[in-house]
């Protein structure tokens, strides 16, 4: 399946495999990671082992975004909690949000997706409002950057989008996305 608006570069969204996990790890192993994710960053070996197990058990799915040269430049993580939660990481947020919905609803056939956003992540707040995601509520949480770090706090806002709502907003999402090829 392709979504190819004219005049833009084409990126590929594909299911990640085990060899992609070290690149997914490297991408998020940066200083500002805790502005997006809450859970502490494990070691590379622990990340690969744990993630491989959760993917195999069906509790997680990963998809990667590749640029025109085949370089992984972003990823989408689906995490099974009460419902499926989608998290994105990468430079092209409009593209990743559209791709997370397309994959979640049209490939994985999920009935709805939840999106949790930390209060510090203003770009994503703006994007979810722009695309009309429904705000479910907020919570105040405690977390640690790593196992022995001091406890910190942050706000977390929860959004939801159903497959029906996505289909109503899909055209706007495509217009704001880079051209995509879904492999």
C-alpha atoms as a PDB file:
ATOM      1  CA  UNK A   1       0.000   0.000   0.000  1.00  0.00           C
ATOM      2  CA  UNK A   2       1.267   3.472  -0.848  1.00  0.00           C
ATOM      3  CA  UNK A   3       0.292   6.980   0.149  1.00  0.00           C
ATOM      4  CA  UNK A   4       2.223   9.164  -2.263  1.00  0.00           C
ATOM      5  CA  UNK A   5       1.366  12.867  -2.129  1.00  0.00           C
ATOM      6  CA  UNK A   6       3.098  14.731  -4.924  1.00  0.00           C
ATOM      7  CA  UNK A   7       6.297  16.678  -4.438  1.00  0.00           C
ATOM      8  CA  UNK A   8       7.681  14.984  -1.348  1.00  0.00           C
ATOM      9  CA  UNK A   9      10.167  12.280  -0.471  1.00  0.00           C
ATOM     10  CA  UNK A  10       8.983   8.750   0.094  1.00  0.00           C
ATOM     11  CA  UNK A  11       9.639   6.931   3.341  1.00  0.00           C
ATOM     12  CA  UNK A  12       8.870   3.286   4.074  1.00  0.00           C
ATOM     13  CA  UNK A  13       6.995   1.937   7.086  1.00  0.00           C
ATOM     14  CA  UNK A  14       7.641  -1.746   7.753  1.00  0.00           C
ATOM     15  CA  UNK A  15       7.370  -4.210  10.614  1.00  0.00           C
ATOM     16  CA  UNK A  16      10.560  -4.210  12.656  1.00  0.00           C
ATOM     17  CA  UNK A  17      12.457  -7.446  13.070  1.00  0.00           C
ATOM     18  CA  UNK A  18      14.931  -8.504  15.740  1.00  0.00           C
ATOM     19  CA  UNK A  19      17.891  -6.948  13.912  1.00  0.00           C
ATOM     20  CA  UNK A  20      16.132  -3.529  14.111  1.00  0.00           C
ATOM     21  CA  UNK A  21      15.942  -3.585  17.909  1.00  0.00           C
ATOM     22  CA  UNK A  22      19.509  -2.350  18.450  1.00  0.00           C
ATOM     23  CA  UNK A  23      18.794   0.632  16.153  1.00  0.00           C
ATOM     24  CA  UNK A  24      15.520   1.351  17.955  1.00  0.00           C
ATOM     25  CA  UNK A  25      17.478   1.247  21.214  1.00  0.00           C
ATOM     26  CA  UNK A  26      20.187   3.571  19.887  1.00  0.00           C
ATOM     27  CA  UNK A  27      17.647   6.105  18.638  1.00  0.00           C
ATOM     28  CA  UNK A  28      16.018   6.502  22.036  1.00  0.00           C
ATOM     29  CA  UNK A  29      19.145   6.193  24.180  1.00  0.00           C
ATOM     30  CA  UNK A  30      19.558   9.968  24.308  1.00  0.00           C
ATOM     31  CA  UNK A  31      19.551  12.629  27.020  1.00  0.00           C
ATOM     32  CA  UNK A  32      16.002  13.864  26.353  1.00  0.00           C
ATOM     33  CA  UNK A  33      14.397  10.395  26.225  1.00  0.00           C
ATOM     34  CA  UNK A  34      12.644  10.987  29.541  1.00  0.00           C
ATOM     35  CA  UNK A  35      10.677  13.836  27.939  1.00  0.00           C
ATOM     36  CA  UNK A  36       8.815  11.157  25.946  1.00  0.00           C
ATOM     37  CA  UNK A  37       9.017   7.809  27.754  1.00  0.00           C
ATOM     38  CA  UNK A  38       8.470   7.062  31.418  1.00  0.00           C
ATOM     39  CA  UNK A  39      10.060   3.672  31.917  1.00  0.00           C
ATOM     40  CA  UNK A  40      13.808   3.627  32.601  1.00  0.00           C
ATOM     41  CA  UNK A  41      16.151   2.745  29.746  1.00  0.00           C
ATOM     42  CA  UNK A  42      17.554  -0.750  30.309  1.00  0.00           C
ATOM     43  CA  UNK A  43      20.844  -2.005  28.930  1.00  0.00           C
ATOM     44  CA  UNK A  44      20.898  -2.895  25.233  1.00  0.00           C
ATOM     45  CA  UNK A  45      20.986  -6.644  25.994  1.00  0.00           C
ATOM     46  CA  UNK A  46      18.057  -6.400  28.410  1.00  0.00           C
ATOM     47  CA  UNK A  47      16.079  -4.265  25.932  1.00  0.00           C
ATOM     48  CA  UNK A  48      16.584  -6.734  23.097  1.00  0.00           C
ATOM     49  CA  UNK A  49      15.780  -9.778  25.265  1.00  0.00           C
ATOM     50  CA  UNK A  50      12.702  -8.254  26.911  1.00  0.00           C
ATOM     51  CA  UNK A  51      11.348  -6.699  23.705  1.00  0.00           C
ATOM     52  CA  UNK A  52      11.883  -9.897  21.728  1.00  0.00           C
ATOM     53  CA  UNK A  53       9.885 -11.807  24.349  1.00  0.00           C
ATOM     54  CA  UNK A  54       7.025  -9.295  24.471  1.00  0.00           C
ATOM     55  CA  UNK A  55       6.800  -9.168  20.671  1.00  0.00           C
ATOM     56  CA  UNK A  56       6.758 -12.966  20.495  1.00  0.00           C
ATOM     57  CA  UNK A  57       4.061 -13.080  23.195  1.00  0.00           C
ATOM     58  CA  UNK A  58       1.937 -10.557  21.264  1.00  0.00           C
ATOM     59  CA  UNK A  59       2.121  -7.739  23.838  1.00  0.00           C
ATOM     60  CA  UNK A  60       4.159  -5.391  21.650  1.00  0.00           C
ATOM     61  CA  UNK A  61       4.561  -4.576  17.963  1.00  0.00           C
ATOM     62  CA  UNK A  62       7.282  -2.390  16.474  1.00  0.00           C
ATOM     63  CA  UNK A  63       7.326  -0.740  13.066  1.00  0.00           C
ATOM     64  CA  UNK A  64      10.175   1.349  11.690  1.00  0.00           C
ATOM     65  CA  UNK A  65      10.242   4.343   9.380  1.00  0.00           C
ATOM     66  CA  UNK A  66      13.026   4.239   6.807  1.00  0.00           C
ATOM     67  CA  UNK A  67      14.156   7.157   4.664  1.00  0.00           C
ATOM     68  CA  UNK A  68      14.868   6.949   0.921  1.00  0.00           C
ATOM     69  CA  UNK A  69      18.258   5.332   1.610  1.00  0.00           C
ATOM     70  CA  UNK A  70      16.845   2.630   3.886  1.00  0.00           C
ATOM     71  CA  UNK A  71      18.125   4.284   7.094  1.00  0.00           C
ATOM     72  CA  UNK A  72      15.824   3.842  10.106  1.00  0.00           C
ATOM     73  CA  UNK A  73      14.761   7.357  11.130  1.00  0.00           C
ATOM     74  CA  UNK A  74      11.806   6.623  13.402  1.00  0.00           C
ATOM     75  CA  UNK A  75       9.722   3.923  14.977  1.00  0.00           C
ATOM     76  CA  UNK A  76       6.243   3.135  16.226  1.00  0.00           C
ATOM     77  CA  UNK A  77       5.710   0.991  19.297  1.00  0.00           C
ATOM     78  CA  UNK A  78       2.346  -0.607  20.076  1.00  0.00           C
ATOM     79  CA  UNK A  79       2.084  -1.728  23.677  1.00  0.00           C
ATOM     80  CA  UNK A  80      -0.805  -3.826  25.014  1.00  0.00           C
ATOM     81  CA  UNK A  81      -2.140  -2.434  28.271  1.00  0.00           C
ATOM     82  CA  UNK A  82      -5.900  -2.391  28.869  1.00  0.00           C
ATOM     83  CA  UNK A  83      -6.119  -1.317  25.226  1.00  0.00           C
ATOM     84  CA  UNK A  84      -3.372  -0.841  22.645  1.00  0.00           C
ATOM     85  CA  UNK A  85      -1.175   2.202  23.221  1.00  0.00           C
ATOM     86  CA  UNK A  86       0.823   3.713  20.365  1.00  0.00           C
ATOM     87  CA  UNK A  87       4.089   5.565  20.942  1.00  0.00           C
ATOM     88  CA  UNK A  88       6.191   7.200  18.255  1.00  0.00           C
ATOM     89  CA  UNK A  89       9.804   8.341  18.073  1.00  0.00           C
ATOM     90  CA  UNK A  90      11.393  10.249  15.240  1.00  0.00           C
ATOM     91  CA  UNK A  91      11.777  13.573  13.479  1.00  0.00           C
ATOM     92  CA  UNK A  92       8.698  13.482  11.229  1.00  0.00           C
ATOM     93  CA  UNK A  93       5.917  13.482  13.826  1.00  0.00           C
ATOM     94  CA  UNK A  94       3.048  14.150  11.398  1.00  0.00           C
ATOM     95  CA  UNK A  95       4.221  11.176   9.363  1.00  0.00           C
ATOM     96  CA  UNK A  96       4.665   8.901  12.372  1.00  0.00           C
ATOM     97  CA  UNK A  97       1.257   9.761  13.817  1.00  0.00           C
ATOM     98  CA  UNK A  98      -0.444   9.046  10.484  1.00  0.00           C
ATOM     99  CA  UNK A  99       1.592   5.831  10.094  1.00  0.00           C
ATOM    100  CA  UNK A 100       0.760   4.714  13.657  1.00  0.00           C
ATOM    101  CA  UNK A 101      -2.947   5.060  12.856  1.00  0.00           C
ATOM    102  CA  UNK A 102      -2.703   3.432   9.429  1.00  0.00           C
ATOM    103  CA  UNK A 103      -0.770   0.438  10.778  1.00  0.00           C
ATOM    104  CA  UNK A 104      -2.883   0.165  13.935  1.00  0.00           C
ATOM    105  CA  UNK A 105      -6.232   0.344  12.192  1.00  0.00           C
ATOM    106  CA  UNK A 106      -5.643  -0.894   8.635  1.00  0.00           C
ATOM    107  CA  UNK A 107      -2.918  -3.508   9.153  1.00  0.00           C
ATOM    108  CA  UNK A 108      -3.289  -4.716  12.749  1.00  0.00           C
ATOM    109  CA  UNK A 109      -7.082  -4.149  12.827  1.00  0.00           C
ATOM    110  CA  UNK A 110      -7.118  -2.542  16.265  1.00  0.00           C
ATOM    111  CA  UNK A 111     -10.519  -1.025  17.158  1.00  0.00           C
ATOM    112  CA  UNK A 112      -8.973   1.936  18.982  1.00  0.00           C
ATOM    113  CA  UNK A 113      -5.614   3.322  20.016  1.00  0.00           C
ATOM    114  CA  UNK A 114      -4.544   5.161  23.127  1.00  0.00           C
ATOM    115  CA  UNK A 115      -1.783   7.752  23.094  1.00  0.00           C
ATOM    116  CA  UNK A 116      -0.137   8.907  26.339  1.00  0.00           C
ATOM    117  CA  UNK A 117       1.760  12.200  26.228  1.00  0.00           C
ATOM    118  CA  UNK A 118       4.016  13.694  28.877  1.00  0.00           C
ATOM    119  CA  UNK A 119       3.273  17.309  29.739  1.00  0.00           C
ATOM    120  CA  UNK A 120       6.723  18.358  28.500  1.00  0.00           C
ATOM    121  CA  UNK A 121       6.025  17.090  24.966  1.00  0.00           C
ATOM    122  CA  UNK A 122       4.354  20.228  23.536  1.00  0.00           C
ATOM    123  CA  UNK A 123       4.869  19.248  19.854  1.00  0.00           C
ATOM    124  CA  UNK A 124       2.843  16.078  20.296  1.00  0.00           C
ATOM    125  CA  UNK A 125       0.103  17.872  22.275  1.00  0.00           C
ATOM    126  CA  UNK A 126      -0.278  20.294  19.372  1.00  0.00           C
ATOM    127  CA  UNK A 127      -0.383  17.475  16.832  1.00  0.00           C
ATOM    128  CA  UNK A 128      -3.036  15.441  18.663  1.00  0.00           C
ATOM    129  CA  UNK A 129      -5.220  18.543  19.002  1.00  0.00           C
ATOM    130  CA  UNK A 130      -4.699  19.373  15.308  1.00  0.00           C
ATOM    131  CA  UNK A 131      -5.852  15.889  14.278  1.00  0.00           C
ATOM    132  CA  UNK A 132      -8.781  15.921  16.721  1.00  0.00           C
ATOM    133  CA  UNK A 133      -7.736  13.079  19.012  1.00  0.00           C
ATOM    134  CA  UNK A 134     -10.106  12.768  21.980  1.00  0.00           C
ATOM    135  CA  UNK A 135      -8.619  13.717  25.338  1.00  0.00           C
ATOM    136  CA  UNK A 136      -9.494  11.080  27.938  1.00  0.00           C
ATOM    137  CA  UNK A 137      -7.899  12.640  30.991  1.00  0.00           C
ATOM    138  CA  UNK A 138      -4.718  13.410  32.853  1.00  0.00           C
ATOM    139  CA  UNK A 139      -2.760  11.832  35.655  1.00  0.00           C
ATOM    140  CA  UNK A 140       0.197  12.731  37.794  1.00  0.00           C
ATOM    141  CA  UNK A 141       2.836   9.998  37.906  1.00  0.00           C
ATOM    142  CA  UNK A 142       6.092   9.224  39.676  1.00  0.00           C
ATOM    143  CA  UNK A 143       8.977   7.642  37.789  1.00  0.00           C
ATOM    144  CA  UNK A 144      12.750   7.142  37.816  1.00  0.00           C
ATOM    145  CA  UNK A 145      15.125   7.835  34.914  1.00  0.00           C
ATOM    146  CA  UNK A 146      17.017   4.693  35.861  1.00  0.00           C
ATOM    147  CA  UNK A 147      16.828   2.087  38.596  1.00  0.00           C
ATOM    148  CA  UNK A 148      18.717   3.991  41.314  1.00  0.00           C
ATOM    149  CA  UNK A 149      17.749   7.530  40.283  1.00  0.00           C
ATOM    150  CA  UNK A 150      15.697   9.784  42.535  1.00  0.00           C
ATOM    151  CA  UNK A 151      11.949   9.705  42.078  1.00  0.00           C
ATOM    152  CA  UNK A 152      10.603  12.395  39.751  1.00  0.00           C
ATOM    153  CA  UNK A 153       7.094  13.449  38.819  1.00  0.00           C
ATOM    154  CA  UNK A 154       5.337  14.465  35.631  1.00  0.00           C
ATOM    155  CA  UNK A 155       1.890  14.870  34.189  1.00  0.00           C
ATOM    156  CA  UNK A 156       0.589  12.471  31.576  1.00  0.00           C
ATOM    157  CA  UNK A 157      -2.345  13.214  29.262  1.00  0.00           C
ATOM    158  CA  UNK A 158      -4.226  10.362  27.620  1.00  0.00           C
ATOM    159  CA  UNK A 159      -5.795  10.574  24.163  1.00  0.00           C
ATOM    160  CA  UNK A 160      -7.817   8.066  22.182  1.00  0.00           C
ATOM    161  CA  UNK A 161      -8.751   7.550  18.563  1.00  0.00           C
ATOM    162  CA  UNK A 162     -11.098   4.886  17.215  1.00  0.00           C
ATOM    163  CA  UNK A 163     -10.876   3.308  13.781  1.00  0.00           C
ATOM    164  CA  UNK A 164     -14.027   5.209  12.717  1.00  0.00           C
ATOM    165  CA  UNK A 165     -12.576   8.546  13.884  1.00  0.00           C
ATOM    166  CA  UNK A 166      -9.336   7.800  12.061  1.00  0.00           C
ATOM    167  CA  UNK A 167     -11.189   7.182   8.803  1.00  0.00           C
ATOM    168  CA  UNK A 168     -12.846  10.604   9.151  1.00  0.00           C
ATOM    169  CA  UNK A 169      -9.477  12.326   9.734  1.00  0.00           C
ATOM    170  CA  UNK A 170      -7.348  10.203   7.422  1.00  0.00           C
ATOM    171  CA  UNK A 171      -7.236  12.647   4.477  1.00  0.00           C
ATOM    172  CA  UNK A 172      -5.964  15.476   6.694  1.00  0.00           C
ATOM    173  CA  UNK A 173      -3.309  13.171   8.168  1.00  0.00           C
ATOM    174  CA  UNK A 174      -2.137  12.102   4.700  1.00  0.00           C
ATOM    175  CA  UNK A 175      -1.858  15.741   3.587  1.00  0.00           C
ATOM    176  CA  UNK A 176       0.399  16.476   6.578  1.00  0.00           C
ATOM    177  CA  UNK A 177       2.573  13.367   6.100  1.00  0.00           C
ATOM    178  CA  UNK A 178       5.586  12.630   3.981  1.00  0.00           C
ATOM    179  CA  UNK A 179       4.811  10.207   1.175  1.00  0.00           C
ATOM    180  CA  UNK A 180       4.768   6.683   2.589  1.00  0.00           C
ATOM    181  CA  UNK A 181       5.114   3.183   1.294  1.00  0.00           C
ATOM    182  CA  UNK A 182       3.842   0.489   3.654  1.00  0.00           C
ATOM    183  CA  UNK A 183       5.820  -2.715   3.222  1.00  0.00           C
END
